[in-house]
Amino acid sequence: MIPNSKTIAKNIGIFGGAQVFSVVAALIRNKFAAVFIGTTGVGLSAIYNTVVVFYSNISGLGLSFSGVKYLSEVFANGDTEALNTEVEKMRTLGLLGATCGFVLSLILAPLLSYVYFDHLSYALSFAALSIFIAVNIYAGVELAILKAMQQVRRLALSSIWLAVVSVLFSVPFYVLYGIQGVIWAVVVSGAAGALITIYLGHQTISLSQASPRLVVGWQRVRQLIAQSKSVIVLGMAFLLGGVIASGADMIIQGYLSAITSLSVLGLYKAGFQLSITYTGMIFTAVNNDFYPRLAAINKNIAERNTLISRQIKVLLCITIPLVVLFVILVPYLLPILFDNTFNPVCRMVQIASLSVIVKSVTMPLNFLPLSLGKSVDYLCLEGSFWILLVPLVMVGFSLYGLEGAGTAILLCHIIELVYVILVCKIRYGFAF
């Protein structure tokens, strides 16, 4: 059944309410970060989080997204036995990915320290990230289960708890240890949040009367991997897209830190978070609610076009007034949310925030190839955005500083919108 605009708005409202906690928590965390670790500490935190995302994408096999498609289809059919089998596959693959991510991050910790800082002083800090990386990868599987089974309230609850622990387990490290506590703030708060997601995922599978055993044993693992070929292939496309995104972010960070300083990098990341990450939290509903629904009806062109169009309409009705209000208030919010040292990022935030409106159209369309299992198409759409973003931000920053970087972000989103609409219309028969 295709939800109407009212239902879509209601679900967005549920996730939006949860995201209020996330935004408030992030603002509190950033305020303490601005006071106790400054722009340099914010830049260092950005590097650590980028590394976590990079390893999670590489070792996680994209299960947090590809798993949603196949679990959604099975869940929609109401076959409990098939659901047991699929969850068993997902959890086994998640355990393998977590193990690989843990080992890989430990081995490459000295290399990352040298790449980022030209010495090995940060090798132990990068090695400590392996704990967060392993738990985060496995939590991605449980998150896929929650999404596929359309557990709207549990997903919202997960967001609320993640917001709470991000403050409780970050701020004390900033206050007590300053910049030296950044690594532990990232690891402890991140791992705690991931464990909450894992707990909620296991609660959900018991509620559905499905209690699959987590399979170990090499022969059985090989058999499950062979049976999960389609999931892995689609996951690899999402994985490569994530690697490209993380790699692009790392290149931009490396470029800014090389030609300027960690302080300027901290300003850029703060501006990116305010303009794209925080204002874009409304898109959580697209990920958590819309994508599983789209995957469940992916074979019906008329139904999926209707669902996508309704999702876009609701998102535009929400994002346009919010973004306009945000742009007006940014000059007054920056000194309150951070401190006066972050004022140079104001124009970047105002310009880049307009990208959220453009993304209201682009994001629902981007899920179309993923819901159909068209891994190559998805990779091309996702990868091209990040590949284009790197030179645009470099050129924009070199010409006009942070304001130029914000303009580059907006321009990249507009270009993406044009080619995404064309591809979805030509390849999949999409029409508004």
Protein backbone atom coordinates (compact mmCIF):
# COMPACT_ATOMS: atom_id res chain seq x y z
CA MET A 1 0.00 0.00 0.00
CA ILE A 2 1.33 3.42 -1.00
CA PRO A 3 1.20 5.91 1.90
CA ASN A 4 -0.50 9.23 1.21
CA SER A 5 1.14 12.59 1.80
CA LYS A 6 -0.38 12.82 5.28
CA THR A 7 1.18 9.50 6.33
CA ILE A 8 4.52 10.50 4.84
CA ALA A 9 4.39 13.81 6.70
CA LYS A 10 3.46 11.97 9.93
CA ASN A 11 6.44 9.63 9.64
CA ILE A 12 8.71 12.55 8.84
CA GLY A 13 7.27 14.25 11.91
CA ILE A 14 8.16 11.25 14.10
CA PHE A 15 11.71 11.17 12.78
CA GLY A 16 11.84 14.95 12.83
CA GLY A 17 10.95 14.97 16.50
CA ALA A 18 13.74 12.50 17.17
CA GLN A 19 16.12 14.58 15.08
CA VAL A 20 15.39 17.60 17.27
CA PHE A 21 17.18 15.71 20.04
CA SER A 22 20.03 15.00 17.64
CA VAL A 23 20.34 18.64 16.62
CA VAL A 24 20.16 19.92 20.21
CA ALA A 25 22.71 17.31 21.30
CA ALA A 26 25.02 18.23 18.43
CA LEU A 27 24.74 21.93 19.25
CA ILE A 28 25.53 21.29 22.92
CA ARG A 29 28.46 19.09 21.95
CA ASN A 30 29.75 21.67 19.47
CA LYS A 31 29.43 24.47 22.01
CA PHE A 32 31.61 22.58 24.47
CA ALA A 33 33.97 21.66 21.63
CA ALA A 34 34.31 25.31 20.58
CA VAL A 35 35.13 26.34 24.16
CA PHE A 36 37.38 23.47 25.26
CA ILE A 37 39.08 22.16 22.09
CA GLY A 38 38.65 25.04 19.62
CA THR A 39 38.74 24.88 15.83
CA THR A 40 41.85 22.66 15.93
CA GLY A 41 40.08 20.05 18.04
CA VAL A 42 37.01 20.19 15.78
CA GLY A 43 39.28 19.54 12.78
CA LEU A 44 40.91 16.59 14.55
CA SER A 45 37.51 15.14 15.45
CA ALA A 46 36.46 15.49 11.80
CA ILE A 47 39.48 13.45 10.70
CA TYR A 48 38.74 10.65 13.19
CA ASN A 49 35.07 10.43 12.17
CA THR A 50 35.97 10.41 8.47
CA VAL A 51 38.35 7.50 9.07
CA VAL A 52 35.60 5.58 10.92
CA VAL A 53 33.16 6.09 8.04
CA PHE A 54 35.83 5.11 5.52
CA TYR A 55 36.67 1.80 7.23
CA SER A 56 33.00 1.08 7.98
CA ASN A 57 32.19 1.48 4.30
CA ILE A 58 35.07 -0.74 3.17
CA SER A 59 34.50 -3.59 5.62
CA GLY A 60 30.73 -3.28 6.06
CA LEU A 61 30.03 -4.48 2.49
CA GLY A 62 27.24 -1.90 2.25
CA LEU A 63 24.92 -4.21 4.20
CA SER A 64 23.23 -1.31 5.99
CA PHE A 65 21.69 -0.36 2.64
CA SER A 66 21.66 -3.45 0.44
CA GLY A 67 20.23 -5.49 3.32
CA VAL A 68 17.24 -3.15 3.52
CA LYS A 69 16.17 -3.93 -0.05
CA TYR A 70 16.14 -7.72 0.32
CA LEU A 71 14.82 -7.77 3.89
CA SER A 72 12.01 -5.37 2.88
CA GLU A 73 10.90 -7.66 0.07
CA VAL A 74 10.84 -10.71 2.36
CA PHE A 75 9.11 -8.83 5.18
CA ALA A 76 6.43 -7.55 2.76
CA ASN A 77 5.65 -11.17 1.79
CA GLY A 78 5.02 -12.13 5.42
CA ASP A 79 7.23 -15.25 5.24
CA THR A 80 8.72 -15.64 8.74
CA GLU A 81 10.95 -18.58 7.81
CA ALA A 82 12.45 -16.68 4.86
CA LEU A 83 12.93 -13.67 7.14
CA ASN A 84 14.83 -15.87 9.61
CA THR A 85 17.15 -17.01 6.83
CA GLU A 86 17.78 -13.50 5.53
CA VAL A 87 18.51 -12.10 9.00
CA GLU A 88 20.87 -15.01 9.64
CA LYS A 89 22.76 -14.13 6.45
CA MET A 90 22.92 -10.44 7.31
CA ARG A 91 24.20 -10.99 10.84
CA THR A 92 26.84 -13.48 9.75
CA LEU A 93 28.11 -11.12 7.05
CA GLY A 94 28.01 -8.25 9.55
CA LEU A 95 30.15 -10.21 12.01
CA LEU A 96 32.69 -10.99 9.30
CA GLY A 97 32.78 -7.35 8.21
CA ALA A 98 33.26 -6.15 11.79
CA THR A 99 36.21 -8.52 12.24
CA CYS A 100 37.82 -7.36 8.99
CA GLY A 101 37.31 -3.70 9.88
CA PHE A 102 38.87 -4.19 13.32
CA VAL A 103 41.98 -5.92 11.95
CA LEU A 104 42.40 -3.56 9.00
CA SER A 105 42.17 -0.42 11.10
CA LEU A 106 44.76 -1.74 13.53
CA ILE A 107 47.22 -2.63 10.79
CA LEU A 108 46.92 0.67 8.92
CA ALA A 109 46.91 2.97 11.97
CA PRO A 110 50.62 3.98 11.62
CA LEU A 111 50.14 4.71 7.91
CA LEU A 112 47.17 7.02 8.58
CA SER A 113 49.11 8.87 11.25
CA TYR A 114 51.92 9.49 8.80
CA VAL A 115 49.59 10.48 5.95
CA TYR A 116 47.66 13.02 8.01
CA PHE A 117 50.37 14.40 10.30
CA ASP A 118 53.75 13.43 8.78
CA HIS A 119 54.74 11.49 11.90
CA LEU A 120 53.60 8.50 13.98
CA SER A 121 52.45 10.32 17.12
CA TYR A 122 48.79 9.65 16.34
CA ALA A 123 49.19 5.94 15.50
CA LEU A 124 47.71 4.79 18.83
CA SER A 125 44.76 7.16 18.40
CA PHE A 126 43.96 5.73 14.98
CA ALA A 127 44.35 2.21 16.39
CA ALA A 128 41.84 3.03 19.15
CA LEU A 129 39.26 3.77 16.45
CA SER A 130 39.20 0.03 15.62
CA ILE A 131 36.83 -0.57 18.57
CA PHE A 132 34.28 1.94 17.27
CA ILE A 133 34.71 0.70 13.69
CA ALA A 134 33.97 -2.96 14.55
CA VAL A 135 30.86 -2.19 16.60
CA ASN A 136 29.65 0.35 14.05
CA ILE A 137 29.83 -2.16 11.19
CA TYR A 138 27.77 -4.77 13.02
CA ALA A 139 25.29 -2.10 14.14
CA GLY A 140 24.71 -1.34 10.45
CA VAL A 141 23.10 -4.78 10.04
CA GLU A 142 20.73 -4.21 12.96
CA LEU A 143 19.86 -0.80 11.53
CA ALA A 144 18.95 -2.48 8.22
CA ILE A 145 16.63 -4.85 10.12
CA LEU A 146 14.89 -1.95 11.84
CA LYS A 147 14.39 -0.12 8.54
CA ALA A 148 13.22 -3.16 6.56
CA MET A 149 10.64 -4.06 9.19
CA GLN A 150 9.45 -0.43 9.19
CA GLN A 151 10.04 0.01 12.91
CA VAL A 152 9.47 3.76 12.78
CA ARG A 153 9.23 4.32 16.51
CA ARG A 154 12.23 2.14 17.33
CA LEU A 155 14.31 3.95 14.73
CA ALA A 156 13.24 7.25 16.26
CA LEU A 157 14.09 5.91 19.73
CA SER A 158 17.51 4.88 18.44
CA SER A 159 18.13 8.43 17.20
CA ILE A 160 17.15 9.88 20.57
CA TRP A 161 19.48 7.57 22.48
CA LEU A 162 22.31 8.24 20.04
CA ALA A 163 21.85 11.96 20.68
CA VAL A 164 21.90 11.50 24.45
CA VAL A 165 25.02 9.32 24.58
CA SER A 166 26.84 11.60 22.10
CA VAL A 167 26.69 14.33 24.74
CA LEU A 168 27.12 12.21 27.86
CA PHE A 169 30.21 10.43 26.52
CA SER A 170 31.81 13.34 24.64
CA VAL A 171 31.55 16.48 26.74
CA PRO A 172 33.36 15.08 29.84
CA PHE A 173 36.39 14.18 27.70
CA TYR A 174 36.46 17.69 26.18
CA VAL A 175 36.22 19.33 29.60
CA LEU A 176 38.72 17.11 31.42
CA TYR A 177 41.33 16.42 28.73
CA GLY A 178 40.91 19.05 26.02
CA ILE A 179 42.33 18.06 22.63
CA GLN A 180 43.84 14.91 24.16
CA GLY A 181 40.32 13.71 24.93
CA VAL A 182 39.02 14.03 21.37
CA ILE A 183 39.89 10.46 20.39
CA TRP A 184 38.16 8.99 23.45
CA ALA A 185 35.10 11.17 22.93
CA VAL A 186 34.80 9.78 19.40
CA VAL A 187 35.41 6.15 20.36
CA VAL A 188 33.35 5.92 23.56
CA SER A 189 30.31 7.90 22.35
CA GLY A 190 30.33 6.18 18.95
CA ALA A 191 30.64 2.66 20.36
CA ALA A 192 27.93 3.31 22.97
CA GLY A 193 25.53 4.55 20.30
CA ALA A 194 26.23 1.54 18.08
CA LEU A 195 25.57 -0.86 20.96
CA ILE A 196 22.16 0.75 21.52
CA THR A 197 21.28 0.18 17.85
CA ILE A 198 22.36 -3.47 18.15
CA TYR A 199 20.17 -3.93 21.22
CA LEU A 200 17.11 -2.43 19.50
CA GLY A 201 17.72 -4.58 16.43
CA HIS A 202 17.73 -7.77 18.50
CA GLN A 203 14.61 -6.63 20.33
CA THR A 204 12.85 -6.12 17.01
CA ILE A 205 13.65 -9.56 15.63
CA SER A 206 12.26 -11.18 18.79
CA LEU A 207 9.08 -9.14 18.47
CA SER A 208 8.59 -10.49 14.95
CA GLN A 209 8.85 -14.07 16.32
CA ALA A 210 12.01 -14.57 14.32
CA SER A 211 14.99 -15.73 16.35
CA PRO A 212 17.75 -16.73 13.94
CA ARG A 213 20.98 -18.06 15.32
CA LEU A 214 24.19 -16.26 14.48
CA VAL A 215 26.04 -18.79 12.35
CA VAL A 216 29.72 -19.49 12.83
CA GLY A 217 31.83 -22.22 11.32
CA TRP A 218 33.76 -21.76 8.10
CA GLN A 219 31.76 -24.14 5.89
CA ARG A 220 28.43 -22.61 6.86
CA VAL A 221 29.83 -19.11 6.44
CA ARG A 222 31.01 -19.93 2.91
CA GLN A 223 27.59 -21.35 2.08
CA LEU A 224 25.80 -18.24 3.35
CA ILE A 225 28.15 -15.94 1.42
CA ALA A 226 27.39 -17.89 -1.76
CA GLN A 227 23.65 -17.59 -1.08
CA SER A 228 24.01 -13.86 -0.42
CA LYS A 229 25.68 -13.02 -3.72
CA SER A 230 22.98 -10.57 -4.84
CA VAL A 231 23.08 -8.75 -1.48
CA ILE A 232 26.86 -8.52 -1.59
CA VAL A 233 26.94 -7.27 -5.20
CA LEU A 234 24.50 -4.46 -4.43
CA GLY A 235 26.29 -3.80 -1.16
CA MET A 236 29.60 -3.52 -2.97
CA ALA A 237 28.12 -0.76 -5.16
CA PHE A 238 27.00 1.08 -2.03
CA LEU A 239 30.39 0.31 -0.49
CA LEU A 240 32.27 1.79 -3.44
CA GLY A 241 29.99 4.82 -3.39
CA GLY A 242 30.74 5.27 0.31
CA VAL A 243 34.47 4.81 -0.29
CA ILE A 244 34.36 7.47 -3.00
CA ALA A 245 32.45 9.81 -0.65
CA SER A 246 34.82 9.21 2.26
CA GLY A 247 37.83 9.41 -0.04
CA ALA A 248 36.61 12.72 -1.46
CA ASP A 249 36.09 14.05 2.06
CA MET A 250 39.58 12.92 3.04
CA ILE A 251 41.09 14.59 -0.05
CA ILE A 252 39.32 17.87 0.71
CA GLN A 253 40.42 17.69 4.34
CA GLY A 254 43.99 16.89 3.32
CA TYR A 255 43.98 19.78 0.83
CA LEU A 256 42.68 22.30 3.37
CA SER A 257 45.03 21.18 6.14
CA ALA A 258 47.99 21.23 3.73
CA ILE A 259 47.49 24.73 2.31
CA THR A 260 46.08 26.30 5.49
CA SER A 261 45.80 24.72 8.95
CA LEU A 262 43.71 22.44 11.16
CA SER A 263 41.94 25.58 12.34
CA VAL A 264 40.63 26.38 8.85
CA LEU A 265 39.71 22.73 8.37
CA GLY A 266 37.73 22.95 11.60
CA LEU A 267 35.88 25.99 10.24
CA TYR A 268 35.08 24.17 7.00
CA LYS A 269 33.78 21.07 8.81
CA ALA A 270 31.71 23.20 11.18
CA GLY A 271 30.24 25.02 8.18
CA PHE A 272 29.52 21.76 6.38
CA GLN A 273 27.84 20.31 9.46
CA LEU A 274 25.63 23.35 9.99
CA SER A 275 24.62 23.78 6.36
CA ILE A 276 24.33 20.18 5.17
CA THR A 277 24.42 17.72 8.07
CA TYR A 278 22.20 19.40 10.67
CA THR A 279 19.73 21.09 8.33
CA GLY A 280 19.67 17.88 6.28
CA MET A 281 18.67 15.67 9.20
CA ILE A 282 15.13 15.79 7.84
CA PHE A 283 16.32 13.31 5.21
CA THR A 284 16.59 10.66 7.91
CA ALA A 285 12.96 9.89 7.12
CA VAL A 286 13.87 9.27 3.47
CA ASN A 287 16.39 6.69 4.59
CA ASN A 288 14.42 5.08 7.41
CA ASP A 289 10.86 5.12 6.10
CA PHE A 290 10.74 5.88 2.38
CA TYR A 291 13.50 3.58 1.11
CA PRO A 292 12.08 0.33 2.61
CA ARG A 293 8.64 1.20 1.19
CA LEU A 294 10.13 1.90 -2.23
CA ALA A 295 12.07 -1.38 -2.17
CA ALA A 296 8.88 -3.29 -1.37
CA ILE A 297 7.05 -1.97 -4.49
CA ASN A 298 10.06 -1.61 -6.80
CA LYS A 299 8.56 -3.67 -9.63
CA ASN A 300 5.50 -1.42 -10.14
CA ILE A 301 6.46 1.69 -12.13
CA ALA A 302 3.23 3.61 -11.48
CA GLU A 303 3.28 2.96 -7.74
CA ARG A 304 6.92 3.84 -7.26
CA ASN A 305 6.50 7.07 -9.30
CA THR A 306 3.57 8.04 -7.10
CA LEU A 307 5.51 7.27 -3.91
CA ILE A 308 8.58 9.22 -5.06
CA SER A 309 6.50 12.22 -6.15
CA ARG A 310 4.65 12.37 -2.84
CA GLN A 311 7.91 12.11 -0.90
CA ILE A 312 9.46 14.96 -2.90
CA LYS A 313 6.37 17.16 -2.43
CA VAL A 314 6.34 16.69 1.33
CA LEU A 315 10.09 17.27 1.62
CA LEU A 316 9.92 20.51 -0.36
CA CYS A 317 7.04 21.78 1.79
CA ILE A 318 9.18 21.18 4.88
CA THR A 319 12.68 22.18 3.73
CA ILE A 320 11.96 25.43 1.86
CA PRO A 321 10.61 27.43 4.84
CA LEU A 322 13.11 25.85 7.25
CA VAL A 323 16.12 26.64 5.05
CA VAL A 324 14.99 30.22 4.39
CA LEU A 325 14.54 30.80 8.14
CA PHE A 326 17.89 29.19 8.86
CA VAL A 327 19.74 31.35 6.32
CA ILE A 328 18.28 34.51 7.91
CA LEU A 329 19.21 33.44 11.45
CA VAL A 330 22.73 32.08 10.80
CA PRO A 331 24.61 35.32 11.68
CA TYR A 332 22.88 35.35 15.07
CA LEU A 333 23.17 31.62 15.69
CA LEU A 334 26.89 31.17 15.07
CA PRO A 335 28.17 33.10 18.15
CA ILE A 336 25.60 31.27 20.29
CA LEU A 337 26.21 27.79 18.92
CA PHE A 338 30.00 28.09 18.78
CA ASP A 339 31.88 31.31 19.56
CA ASN A 340 33.13 34.37 17.67
CA THR A 341 36.10 32.48 16.18
CA PHE A 342 33.62 30.59 13.95
CA ASN A 343 32.08 33.76 12.45
CA PRO A 344 34.17 33.56 9.21
CA VAL A 345 32.12 30.51 8.16
CA CYS A 346 28.80 32.44 8.12
CA ARG A 347 28.61 33.10 4.35
CA MET A 348 29.61 29.53 3.53
CA VAL A 349 26.77 28.21 5.70
CA GLN A 350 24.19 30.56 4.17
CA ILE A 351 25.06 29.59 0.60
CA ALA A 352 25.58 25.86 1.15
CA SER A 353 22.32 25.55 3.12
CA LEU A 354 20.37 26.11 -0.10
CA SER A 355 21.66 22.69 -1.19
CA VAL A 356 19.17 21.11 1.21
CA ILE A 357 16.27 22.33 -0.95
CA VAL A 358 17.87 20.85 -4.06
CA LYS A 359 18.55 17.63 -2.21
CA SER A 360 14.84 17.33 -1.37
CA VAL A 361 14.30 16.38 -5.00
CA THR A 362 17.53 14.50 -5.62
CA MET A 363 17.61 12.13 -2.66
CA PRO A 364 14.32 10.25 -3.23
CA LEU A 365 15.35 9.75 -6.87
CA ASN A 366 18.79 8.48 -5.85
CA PHE A 367 17.12 5.61 -4.00
CA LEU A 368 15.39 4.37 -7.16
CA PRO A 369 18.33 2.42 -8.69
CA LEU A 370 19.25 1.10 -5.25
CA SER A 371 15.73 -0.23 -4.67
CA LEU A 372 15.84 -1.96 -8.06
CA GLY A 373 19.21 -3.58 -7.40
CA LYS A 374 20.85 -1.58 -10.22
CA SER A 375 24.23 -1.42 -8.57
CA VAL A 376 26.20 0.10 -11.46
CA ASP A 377 23.66 2.90 -12.00
CA TYR A 378 23.61 3.72 -8.30
CA LEU A 379 27.40 3.79 -8.16
CA CYS A 380 27.61 6.12 -11.15
CA LEU A 381 25.05 8.54 -9.70
CA GLU A 382 26.52 8.56 -6.22
CA GLY A 383 30.17 8.55 -7.22
CA SER A 384 29.89 11.31 -9.81
CA PHE A 385 28.66 13.78 -7.19
CA TRP A 386 31.68 13.30 -4.94
CA ILE A 387 34.15 13.16 -7.80
CA LEU A 388 32.78 16.50 -9.01
CA LEU A 389 32.71 18.01 -5.52
CA VAL A 390 36.47 17.70 -4.91
CA PRO A 391 37.71 19.96 -7.75
CA LEU A 392 34.80 22.38 -7.28
CA VAL A 393 35.58 22.88 -3.57
CA MET A 394 39.31 23.19 -4.27
CA VAL A 395 38.77 25.82 -6.96
CA GLY A 396 36.09 27.62 -4.97
CA PHE A 397 38.23 27.76 -1.83
CA SER A 398 41.36 28.88 -3.71
CA LEU A 399 39.42 31.76 -5.33
CA TYR A 400 37.03 32.92 -2.60
CA GLY A 401 37.95 31.05 0.58
CA LEU A 402 35.22 29.45 2.68
CA GLU A 403 32.49 31.36 0.82
CA GLY A 404 33.77 29.84 -2.42
CA ALA A 405 33.65 26.37 -0.84
CA GLY A 406 29.99 26.92 0.07
CA THR A 407 29.20 28.05 -3.48
CA ALA A 408 30.93 24.94 -4.83
CA ILE A 409 28.77 22.69 -2.64
CA LEU A 410 25.56 24.34 -3.90
CA LEU A 411 26.67 24.22 -7.54
CA CYS A 412 27.53 20.52 -7.24
CA HIS A 413 24.06 19.73 -5.88
CA ILE A 414 22.39 21.61 -8.75
CA ILE A 415 24.42 19.75 -11.36
CA GLU A 416 23.59 16.46 -9.64
CA LEU A 417 19.87 17.28 -9.70
CA VAL A 418 19.88 17.71 -13.48
CA TYR A 419 21.61 14.45 -14.35
CA VAL A 420 19.75 12.39 -11.71
CA ILE A 421 16.37 13.45 -13.14
CA LEU A 422 17.54 12.65 -16.68
CA VAL A 423 18.90 9.22 -15.73
CA CYS A 424 15.80 8.20 -13.75
CA LYS A 425 13.50 9.38 -16.55
CA ILE A 426 15.41 7.61 -19.33
CA ARG A 427 16.44 4.44 -17.48
CA TYR A 428 13.45 3.80 -15.19
CA GLY A 429 10.54 5.68 -16.74
CA PHE A 430 10.24 8.09 -13.85
CA ALA A 431 7.73 10.93 -14.18
CA PHE A 432 6.49 13.36 -11.55
